[in-house]
Amino acid sequence: MKTKSFIAGIVAGGVIGSVATLLTTPLPGKELRHSVKVNYNTTKDNLLTAKQEGIALKSQFQQTWNEGVNKMKATASEMKDSVDDWKDDIKPHLHQLQKEIDELQKTIDETKRTPKKEHDEKL
């Protein structure tokens, strides 16, 4: 929608510029026709250039978008693989840590079961 407004602005500007030139130029008929023809061709060329640049910009945007999507997919996949590798690396340590926690809990439970009197005698 914005492209259409931009092109409409260029066309309107070209028409207004041409009309203003016609009304304010003190040129003879032959020179005036030549001037109008030159202005027309310039406006036509400008519109064609704007159209081509718009098409190129759209194509570049689509290409950039697709590259961004592909990079995001690759990054997400790499992150998932990295997390999976980390999980695999930590598993043996996790098992060992769990064993140590269980042993500590066992020691705490034994300490709780030891009568206070026996504990005081040891000190």
Protein backbone atom coordinates (compact mmCIF):
# COMPACT_ATOMS: atom_id res chain seq x y z
CA MET A 1 0.00 0.00 0.00
CA LYS A 2 2.82 2.43 0.81
CA THR A 3 4.47 1.69 -2.55
CA LYS A 4 1.29 2.68 -4.34
CA SER A 5 1.14 5.93 -2.36
CA PHE A 6 4.78 6.63 -3.16
CA ILE A 7 4.24 6.03 -6.88
CA ALA A 8 1.06 8.12 -6.82
CA GLY A 9 3.08 10.92 -5.20
CA ILE A 10 5.72 10.72 -7.91
CA VAL A 11 3.10 10.79 -10.67
CA ALA A 12 1.21 13.67 -9.05
CA GLY A 13 4.48 15.57 -8.57
CA GLY A 14 5.41 15.00 -12.20
CA VAL A 15 2.01 16.15 -13.45
CA ILE A 16 1.99 19.23 -11.20
CA GLY A 17 5.55 20.06 -12.22
CA SER A 18 4.67 19.73 -15.90
CA VAL A 19 1.55 21.87 -15.57
CA ALA A 20 3.46 24.49 -13.61
CA THR A 21 6.14 24.52 -16.30
CA LEU A 22 3.53 24.93 -19.03
CA LEU A 23 1.81 27.80 -17.26
CA THR A 24 4.87 29.72 -16.17
CA THR A 25 7.27 29.21 -19.06
CA PRO A 26 7.55 32.02 -21.58
CA LEU A 27 8.87 29.69 -24.25
CA PRO A 28 7.83 29.50 -27.88
CA GLY A 29 5.61 26.57 -28.86
CA LYS A 30 8.38 24.41 -30.30
CA GLU A 31 10.61 24.81 -27.24
CA LEU A 32 7.66 24.31 -24.93
CA ARG A 33 6.72 21.02 -26.64
CA HIS A 34 10.34 19.90 -26.39
CA SER A 35 10.42 20.84 -22.68
CA VAL A 36 7.17 18.94 -22.03
CA LYS A 37 8.51 15.92 -23.90
CA VAL A 38 11.76 15.99 -21.87
CA ASN A 39 9.82 16.33 -18.59
CA TYR A 40 7.51 13.50 -19.61
CA ASN A 41 10.43 11.23 -20.48
CA THR A 42 12.22 12.13 -17.24
CA THR A 43 9.11 11.39 -15.19
CA LYS A 44 8.56 8.15 -17.07
CA ASP A 45 12.19 7.11 -16.47
CA ASN A 46 11.91 8.02 -12.78
CA LEU A 47 8.77 5.90 -12.42
CA LEU A 48 10.39 2.98 -14.20
CA THR A 49 13.46 3.27 -11.95
CA ALA A 50 11.29 3.47 -8.83
CA LYS A 51 9.38 0.37 -9.95
CA GLN A 52 12.58 -1.58 -10.61
CA GLU A 53 14.08 -0.51 -7.28
CA GLY A 54 10.87 -1.51 -5.52
CA ILE A 55 10.95 -4.95 -7.12
CA ALA A 56 14.64 -5.34 -6.23
CA LEU A 57 13.95 -4.23 -2.65
CA LYS A 58 11.10 -6.71 -2.33
CA SER A 59 13.30 -9.50 -3.65
CA GLN A 60 16.14 -8.54 -1.31
CA PHE A 61 13.74 -8.43 1.66
CA GLN A 62 12.38 -11.90 0.83
CA GLN A 63 15.91 -13.28 0.49
CA THR A 64 16.99 -11.71 3.79
CA TRP A 65 13.85 -13.02 5.51
CA ASN A 66 14.45 -16.55 4.23
CA GLU A 67 18.11 -16.43 5.30
CA GLY A 68 17.05 -15.22 8.75
CA VAL A 69 14.51 -18.03 9.11
CA ASN A 70 17.11 -20.61 8.06
CA LYS A 71 19.70 -19.18 10.50
CA MET A 72 17.16 -19.25 13.34
CA LYS A 73 16.29 -22.88 12.58
CA ALA A 74 19.98 -23.81 12.47
CA THR A 75 20.67 -21.95 15.72
CA ALA A 76 17.74 -23.64 17.46
CA SER A 77 18.95 -27.03 16.27
CA GLU A 78 22.51 -26.31 17.44
CA MET A 79 21.22 -25.19 20.84
CA LYS A 80 19.14 -28.35 21.21
CA ASP A 81 22.15 -30.49 20.30
CA SER A 82 24.30 -28.57 22.77
CA VAL A 83 21.78 -29.07 25.59
CA ASP A 84 21.50 -32.77 24.74
CA ASP A 85 25.30 -33.11 24.81
CA TRP A 86 25.44 -31.30 28.14
CA LYS A 87 22.81 -33.64 29.56
CA ASP A 88 24.82 -36.63 28.38
CA ASP A 89 28.02 -35.18 29.89
CA ILE A 90 26.40 -34.47 33.26
CA LYS A 91 24.63 -37.86 33.66
CA PRO A 92 27.58 -39.73 35.22
CA HIS A 93 28.25 -36.84 37.59
CA LEU A 94 24.59 -36.56 38.44
CA HIS A 95 24.50 -40.21 39.42
CA GLN A 96 27.60 -39.75 41.62
CA LEU A 97 26.13 -36.63 43.23
CA GLN A 98 22.91 -38.48 43.97
CA LYS A 99 24.92 -41.25 45.65
CA GLU A 100 26.74 -38.72 47.82
CA ILE A 101 23.48 -37.03 48.78
CA ASP A 102 22.00 -40.40 49.72
CA GLU A 103 25.05 -41.19 51.87
CA LEU A 104 24.81 -37.82 53.61
CA GLN A 105 21.12 -38.36 54.24
CA LYS A 106 21.91 -41.79 55.68
CA THR A 107 24.51 -40.24 57.99
CA ILE A 108 22.03 -37.58 59.12
CA ASP A 109 19.39 -40.24 59.79
CA GLU A 110 21.86 -42.31 61.81
CA THR A 111 22.84 -39.24 63.80
CA LYS A 112 19.21 -38.56 64.59
CA ARG A 113 18.73 -42.15 65.77
CA THR A 114 21.75 -42.10 68.07
CA PRO A 115 20.53 -41.36 71.56
CA LYS A 116 21.58 -38.06 73.03
CA LYS A 117 23.20 -39.73 75.99
CA GLU A 118 25.51 -41.79 73.80
CA HIS A 119 26.36 -38.67 71.84
CA ASP A 120 27.27 -36.76 75.02
CA GLU A 121 29.50 -39.59 76.19
CA LYS A 122 31.47 -39.44 72.95
CA LEU A 123 32.23 -35.78 73.52
